[in-house]
Protein backbone atom coordinates (compact mmCIF):
# COMPACT_ATOMS: atom_id res chain seq x y z
CA UNK A 1 -3.00 -25.63 -8.60
CA UNK A 2 -2.42 -22.87 -6.10
CA UNK A 3 -3.03 -19.52 -7.69
CA UNK A 4 -1.11 -16.44 -6.74
CA UNK A 5 -2.08 -13.79 -4.26
CA UNK A 6 -3.22 -10.75 -6.17
CA UNK A 7 -2.57 -8.28 -3.41
CA UNK A 8 -1.89 -5.06 -5.43
CA UNK A 9 -0.66 -3.16 -6.20
CA UNK A 10 -4.14 -3.56 -8.19
CA UNK A 11 -3.20 -3.64 -9.79
CA UNK A 12 -3.17 -3.93 -9.65
CA UNK A 13 -2.30 -0.27 -7.36
CA UNK A 14 -1.52 0.65 -5.84
CA UNK A 15 -5.24 2.15 -3.92
CA UNK A 16 -5.35 4.30 -0.37
CA UNK A 17 -5.50 7.98 0.42
CA UNK A 18 -6.98 10.43 -2.05
CA UNK A 19 -4.32 12.99 -2.70
CA UNK A 20 -6.14 15.16 -5.15
CA UNK A 21 -8.36 16.37 -2.35
CA UNK A 22 -5.35 18.49 -1.44
CA UNK A 23 -5.12 19.81 -4.99
CA UNK A 24 -8.75 20.36 -5.91
CA UNK A 25 -10.95 19.93 -2.87
CA UNK A 26 -12.49 16.96 -4.67
CA UNK A 27 -11.43 13.48 -3.79
CA UNK A 28 -9.41 11.61 -6.31
CA UNK A 29 -6.61 9.11 -6.22
CA UNK A 30 -5.18 6.14 -8.02
CA UNK A 31 -6.26 2.88 -6.77
CA UNK A 32 -4.10 0.32 -5.64
CA UNK A 33 -4.18 -2.90 -7.46
CA UNK A 34 -3.53 -6.25 -6.20
CA UNK A 35 -1.37 -9.18 -6.81
CA UNK A 36 -3.04 -11.15 -9.54
CA UNK A 37 -3.48 -14.89 -9.72
CA UNK A 38 -1.30 -16.77 -12.12
CA UNK A 39 -4.12 -17.52 -14.54
CA UNK A 40 -7.61 -16.35 -13.57
CA UNK A 41 -7.23 -12.71 -12.65
CA UNK A 42 -8.45 -9.21 -13.13
CA UNK A 43 -5.98 -6.42 -13.73
CA UNK A 44 -6.16 -5.17 -10.21
CA UNK A 45 -5.58 -1.49 -10.16
CA UNK A 46 -6.91 1.79 -11.37
CA UNK A 47 -4.70 3.86 -13.58
CA UNK A 48 -5.38 7.48 -12.86
CA UNK A 49 -7.19 10.12 -10.91
CA UNK A 50 -8.77 13.52 -11.41
CA UNK A 51 -6.27 16.33 -11.69
CA UNK A 52 -8.07 19.58 -12.49
CA UNK A 53 -10.52 21.62 -10.46
CA UNK A 54 -14.10 20.42 -11.01
CA UNK A 55 -16.14 22.68 -13.25
CA UNK A 56 -19.52 23.68 -11.85
CA UNK A 57 -22.26 21.82 -13.66
CA UNK A 58 -19.87 19.84 -15.86
CA UNK A 59 -20.50 16.57 -14.03
CA UNK A 60 -23.55 14.78 -12.65
CA UNK A 61 -22.54 15.75 -9.10
CA UNK A 62 -20.52 18.65 -7.70
CA UNK A 63 -18.68 16.31 -5.31
CA UNK A 64 -19.08 12.69 -6.52
CA UNK A 65 -17.03 12.17 -9.69
CA UNK A 66 -17.20 9.13 -11.97
CA UNK A 67 -15.50 7.93 -15.13
CA UNK A 68 -15.42 4.99 -17.51
CA UNK A 69 -12.07 3.98 -19.01
CA UNK A 70 -10.86 1.42 -21.53
CA UNK A 71 -7.45 0.18 -20.39
CA UNK A 72 -4.79 -1.84 -22.18
CA UNK A 73 -2.05 -3.45 -20.10
CA UNK A 74 1.23 -5.21 -20.88
CA UNK A 75 3.56 -7.38 -18.73
CA UNK A 76 1.64 -6.93 -15.47
CA UNK A 77 3.42 -9.01 -12.81
CA UNK A 78 1.05 -9.39 -9.87
CA UNK A 79 1.57 -13.13 -10.37
CA UNK A 80 4.49 -15.30 -11.53
CA UNK A 81 3.24 -15.18 -15.15
CA UNK A 82 2.99 -11.62 -16.54
CA UNK A 83 -0.41 -10.88 -18.06
CA UNK A 84 -1.62 -8.64 -20.88
CA UNK A 85 -5.24 -7.51 -21.04
CA UNK A 86 -7.73 -4.98 -22.44
CA UNK A 87 -10.53 -4.28 -19.97
CA UNK A 88 -13.22 -1.82 -18.87
CA UNK A 89 -13.07 0.14 -15.62
CA UNK A 90 -15.65 2.21 -13.73
CA UNK A 91 -14.04 4.59 -11.22
CA UNK A 92 -15.48 6.97 -8.64
CA UNK A 93 -14.06 9.51 -6.20
CA UNK A 94 -15.27 12.32 -3.96
CA UNK A 95 -15.29 13.87 -0.51
CA UNK A 96 -18.35 14.66 1.59
CA UNK A 97 -17.99 15.75 5.21
CA UNK A 98 -15.60 13.36 6.99
CA UNK A 99 -15.72 10.76 4.21
CA UNK A 100 -13.17 10.42 1.43
CA UNK A 101 -14.39 7.92 -1.13
CA UNK A 102 -12.43 6.22 -3.85
CA UNK A 103 -12.97 2.97 -5.71
CA UNK A 104 -13.17 1.18 -9.03
CA UNK A 105 -14.74 -1.90 -10.61
CA UNK A 106 -12.97 -3.75 -13.44
CA UNK A 107 -14.44 -6.18 -15.95
CA UNK A 108 -11.31 -8.08 -17.05
CA UNK A 109 -10.78 -9.21 -20.62
CA UNK A 110 -14.23 -7.95 -21.56
CA UNK A 111 -13.11 -7.41 -25.17
CA UNK A 112 -11.64 -10.92 -25.42
CA UNK A 113 -8.11 -9.55 -25.84
CA UNK A 114 -5.22 -10.81 -23.71
CA UNK A 115 -2.31 -13.23 -23.60
CA UNK A 116 -2.51 -16.89 -22.59
CA UNK A 117 -1.83 -16.03 -18.93
CA UNK A 118 -4.87 -13.77 -18.81
CA UNK A 119 -8.40 -14.99 -18.11
CA UNK A 120 -11.53 -12.91 -17.79
CA UNK A 121 -15.26 -12.57 -18.14
CA UNK A 122 -15.70 -14.89 -21.14
CA UNK A 123 -13.13 -17.66 -20.56
CA UNK A 124 -13.68 -18.92 -17.01
CA UNK A 125 -11.65 -16.16 -15.41
CA UNK A 126 -12.75 -13.42 -13.03
CA UNK A 127 -15.91 -11.59 -14.20
CA UNK A 128 -15.28 -8.70 -11.82
CA UNK A 129 -12.45 -7.23 -9.77
CA UNK A 130 -13.03 -4.29 -7.44
CA UNK A 131 -11.27 -2.12 -4.90
CA UNK A 132 -12.81 0.40 -2.50
CA UNK A 133 -10.65 2.71 -0.38
CA UNK A 134 -12.69 4.88 2.00
CA UNK A 135 -11.05 7.10 4.60
CA UNK A 136 -12.79 8.82 7.51
CA UNK A 137 -11.34 12.08 8.83
CA UNK A 138 -10.56 11.90 12.54
CA UNK A 139 -10.05 15.69 12.60
CA UNK A 140 -13.54 16.26 11.18
CA UNK A 141 -15.19 13.94 13.71
CA UNK A 142 -13.23 15.52 16.57
CA UNK A 143 -14.28 19.00 15.42
CA UNK A 144 -10.71 20.31 15.64
CA UNK A 145 -7.38 20.14 13.87
CA UNK A 146 -5.11 17.34 15.08
CA UNK A 147 -2.20 18.48 12.92
CA UNK A 148 1.26 17.62 14.18
CA UNK A 149 4.12 19.28 12.31
CA UNK A 150 3.74 18.42 8.61
CA UNK A 151 0.95 15.86 9.28
CA UNK A 152 -2.03 18.09 8.59
CA UNK A 153 -5.01 15.70 8.76
CA UNK A 154 -5.55 12.19 10.13
CA UNK A 155 -7.85 9.39 8.93
CA UNK A 156 -9.09 5.93 9.74
CA UNK A 157 -8.23 4.24 6.44
CA UNK A 158 -9.48 1.09 4.73
CA UNK A 159 -8.75 -0.73 1.49
CA UNK A 160 -11.06 -3.61 0.53
CA UNK A 161 -10.11 -5.66 -2.52
CA UNK A 162 -12.29 -8.38 -3.98
CA UNK A 163 -11.65 -10.63 -6.98
CA UNK A 164 -14.69 -12.79 -7.67
CA UNK A 165 -12.83 -15.44 -9.65
CA UNK A 166 -14.48 -18.30 -11.53
CA UNK A 167 -14.47 -20.51 -8.41
CA UNK A 168 -13.27 -20.39 -4.80
CA UNK A 169 -9.72 -21.44 -5.72
CA UNK A 170 -9.46 -18.39 -7.99
CA UNK A 171 -11.05 -15.90 -5.61
CA UNK A 172 -9.53 -13.30 -3.26
CA UNK A 173 -11.04 -11.15 -0.55
CA UNK A 174 -8.70 -8.85 1.36
CA UNK A 175 -9.18 -6.03 3.87
CA UNK A 176 -6.47 -3.54 4.77
CA UNK A 177 -7.27 -1.30 7.74
CA UNK A 178 -5.21 1.28 9.57
CA UNK A 179 -4.27 4.93 9.85
CA UNK A 180 -3.77 7.55 7.13
CA UNK A 181 -2.52 11.12 6.93
CA UNK A 182 -2.04 14.01 4.51
CA UNK A 183 1.42 15.58 4.61
CA UNK A 184 2.23 19.25 3.97
CA UNK A 185 5.32 19.44 1.75
CA UNK A 186 5.28 23.27 1.35
CA UNK A 187 5.68 22.66 -2.38
CA UNK A 188 3.70 21.67 -5.45
CA UNK A 189 4.08 18.03 -4.42
CA UNK A 190 0.96 16.71 -2.68
CA UNK A 191 1.79 13.81 -0.40
CA UNK A 192 -0.31 11.28 1.47
CA UNK A 193 0.45 8.11 3.42
CA UNK A 194 -1.40 5.11 4.84
CA UNK A 195 -0.25 2.29 7.08
CA UNK A 196 -2.38 -0.86 7.16
CA UNK A 197 -2.65 -4.28 8.71
CA UNK A 198 -4.00 -6.98 6.38
CA UNK A 199 -6.74 -9.50 7.04
CA UNK A 200 -6.97 -12.18 4.37
CA UNK A 201 -10.09 -14.19 3.60
CA UNK A 202 -9.91 -16.17 0.32
CA UNK A 203 -6.55 -15.82 -1.43
CA UNK A 204 -6.47 -18.15 -4.44
CA UNK A 205 -5.85 -21.13 -2.16
CA UNK A 206 -2.70 -19.71 -0.54
CA UNK A 207 -1.66 -20.69 2.99
CA UNK A 208 -2.51 -17.33 4.59
CA UNK A 209 -6.26 -17.56 4.02
CA UNK A 210 -8.55 -16.55 6.93
CA UNK A 211 -5.80 -14.91 8.96
CA UNK A 212 -4.09 -11.64 9.77
CA UNK A 213 -0.99 -11.70 7.60
CA UNK A 214 1.37 -8.77 7.18
CA UNK A 215 1.26 -5.04 6.67
CA UNK A 216 1.31 -2.40 3.95
CA UNK A 217 3.05 0.97 3.93
CA UNK A 218 1.75 3.22 1.19
CA UNK A 219 2.86 6.59 -0.16
CA UNK A 220 1.06 8.68 -2.79
CA UNK A 221 2.35 11.80 -4.48
CA UNK A 222 0.93 14.16 -7.10
CA UNK A 223 2.67 16.91 -9.05
CA UNK A 224 0.61 19.25 -11.29
CA UNK A 225 2.82 19.80 -14.33
CA UNK A 226 0.86 22.40 -16.27
CA UNK A 227 -2.22 23.47 -18.19
CA UNK A 228 -2.65 24.28 -21.87
CA UNK A 229 -4.57 26.73 -24.06
CA UNK A 230 -6.80 23.90 -25.33
CA UNK A 231 -8.22 23.41 -21.81
CA UNK A 232 -6.20 20.31 -20.98
CA UNK A 233 -3.96 19.75 -17.97
CA UNK A 234 -1.01 17.42 -17.41
CA UNK A 235 -0.36 15.79 -14.03
CA UNK A 236 2.16 13.29 -12.67
CA UNK A 237 0.68 10.83 -10.17
CA UNK A 238 2.75 8.28 -8.30
CA UNK A 239 2.10 5.73 -5.57
CA UNK A 240 4.20 3.04 -3.95
CA UNK A 241 2.91 0.01 -2.01
CA UNK A 242 5.35 -1.89 0.19
CA UNK A 243 3.91 -5.11 1.64
CA UNK A 244 5.91 -6.82 4.37
CA UNK A 245 5.65 -9.28 7.22
CA UNK A 246 3.72 -11.99 5.36
CA UNK A 247 4.07 -15.63 6.41
CA UNK A 248 3.55 -16.96 2.88
CA UNK A 249 7.23 -17.84 2.50
CA UNK A 250 7.29 -20.09 5.57
CA UNK A 251 5.72 -23.06 3.80
CA UNK A 252 6.58 -22.23 0.20
CA UNK A 253 10.11 -21.19 -0.84
CA UNK A 254 8.70 -19.67 -4.04
CA UNK A 255 6.79 -17.05 -1.99
CA UNK A 256 8.25 -14.01 -0.21
CA UNK A 257 7.54 -12.04 2.97
CA UNK A 258 7.89 -8.72 1.14
CA UNK A 259 6.65 -7.19 -2.10
CA UNK A 260 6.94 -3.75 -3.68
CA UNK A 261 5.01 -2.09 -6.50
CA UNK A 262 5.83 1.48 -7.63
CA UNK A 263 3.44 3.14 -10.09
CA UNK A 264 4.07 6.23 -12.23
CA UNK A 265 1.18 7.88 -14.09
CA UNK A 266 0.99 10.71 -16.61
CA UNK A 267 -2.59 12.01 -16.87
CA UNK A 268 -3.58 14.33 -19.73
CA UNK A 269 -7.13 15.47 -18.98
CA UNK A 270 -9.83 17.72 -20.40
CA UNK A 271 -13.13 18.39 -18.62
CA UNK A 272 -14.45 14.99 -19.68
CA UNK A 273 -11.87 13.22 -21.84
CA UNK A 274 -8.83 11.64 -20.11
CA UNK A 275 -5.68 9.95 -21.44
CA UNK A 276 -3.29 7.98 -19.22
CA UNK A 277 0.13 6.40 -19.65
CA UNK A 278 1.51 4.30 -16.81
CA UNK A 279 4.80 2.61 -16.00
CA UNK A 280 4.74 0.27 -13.01
CA UNK A 281 7.76 -1.44 -11.44
CA UNK A 282 7.29 -4.78 -9.65
CA UNK A 283 9.64 -6.40 -7.14
CA UNK A 284 8.44 -9.84 -6.02
CA UNK A 285 5.01 -9.01 -7.44
CA UNK A 286 2.26 -10.94 -5.65
CA UNK A 287 4.84 -12.12 -3.08
CA UNK A 288 6.39 -14.45 -5.67
CA UNK A 289 10.16 -14.94 -5.68
CA UNK A 290 11.50 -13.81 -9.04
CA UNK A 291 13.22 -16.66 -10.89
CA UNK A 292 11.81 -19.43 -8.69
CA UNK A 293 10.90 -22.67 -10.47
CA UNK A 294 7.15 -23.42 -10.51
CA UNK A 295 4.74 -25.89 -12.04
CA UNK A 296 0.98 -25.25 -12.09
CA UNK A 297 0.25 -28.50 -13.92
CA UNK A 298 1.33 -27.55 -17.44
CA UNK A 299 5.11 -27.85 -17.15
CA UNK A 300 7.94 -26.16 -15.27
CA UNK A 301 8.55 -22.44 -15.69
CA UNK A 302 10.52 -19.65 -14.00
CA UNK A 303 8.57 -16.95 -12.17
CA UNK A 304 8.85 -13.46 -13.64
CA UNK A 305 7.81 -11.18 -10.77
CA UNK A 306 10.42 -8.39 -11.13
CA UNK A 307 10.40 -5.77 -13.86
CA UNK A 308 8.28 -3.16 -15.59
CA UNK A 309 4.67 -3.34 -16.74
CA UNK A 310 2.75 -0.75 -18.74
CA UNK A 311 -0.80 0.59 -19.13
CA UNK A 312 -2.56 3.00 -21.47
CA UNK A 313 -6.10 4.24 -21.00
CA UNK A 314 -8.76 6.43 -22.62
CA UNK A 315 -11.65 7.50 -20.42
CA UNK A 316 -14.65 9.79 -20.03
CA UNK A 317 -15.41 11.57 -16.74
CA UNK A 318 -19.00 12.45 -15.93
């Protein structure tokens, strides 16, 4: 069977410029998931990012932040069969000199909980899914501001996504590379954008393997909502990934050239403890045509690649 392309969102998503650097001076941003394979897949995308100013001495490092989160997901449509899962995620973020760092590593279905479309570490699915999104400041390396109008800093941007899979047919290895920028909105909204070209190595056996195939336009936005007397803060985090220009549809009418994933996060965070609620909208998730008729060897079914998916997470930042 030909598995789906998991190009997130990560999921999962998307993840990516790190917007919270504009809010806190410490790098942090949601990841960008990927389109998940129909059966053997990780969840693909981080759920949240740091929202409050780092507290001196509260974490192991004053610039490199880390957290562990247990995440439950429902109706995630990076493939033609929506998946549910409960999994563990390690996330990191920080900025040092010209380098913005963000990434996460997922262990899918580590608790053995998920629907029949979901495979993970213990049932011949993917034992690990990861995404790393470094950006390098061009302004910093040039030693001067290259701001143009509202575009206040420029970056060379990368997004590497790897799904180990149980075998080569259920493995993906994707590199997005391009240009990123932070945008001054003159408001409480912090905005960042990246534009990438995609090089695809393994892709669950799809026809675009080992080729340049398509582009991604990405927007990220963060709005601090408020803080509370108990020391917590509430933040809205959103990011949208629009993939276009793929050739997948040329030899498979069930695939599409374009795909969109829009993610909306509410993060309620203390110094260490973090709670997240996420609503994510998929349109042609994983470049699968919604409603197309498919058969992966166990009977015909209709692809469900449009609609909403949901996440909830509890994590500890250190």
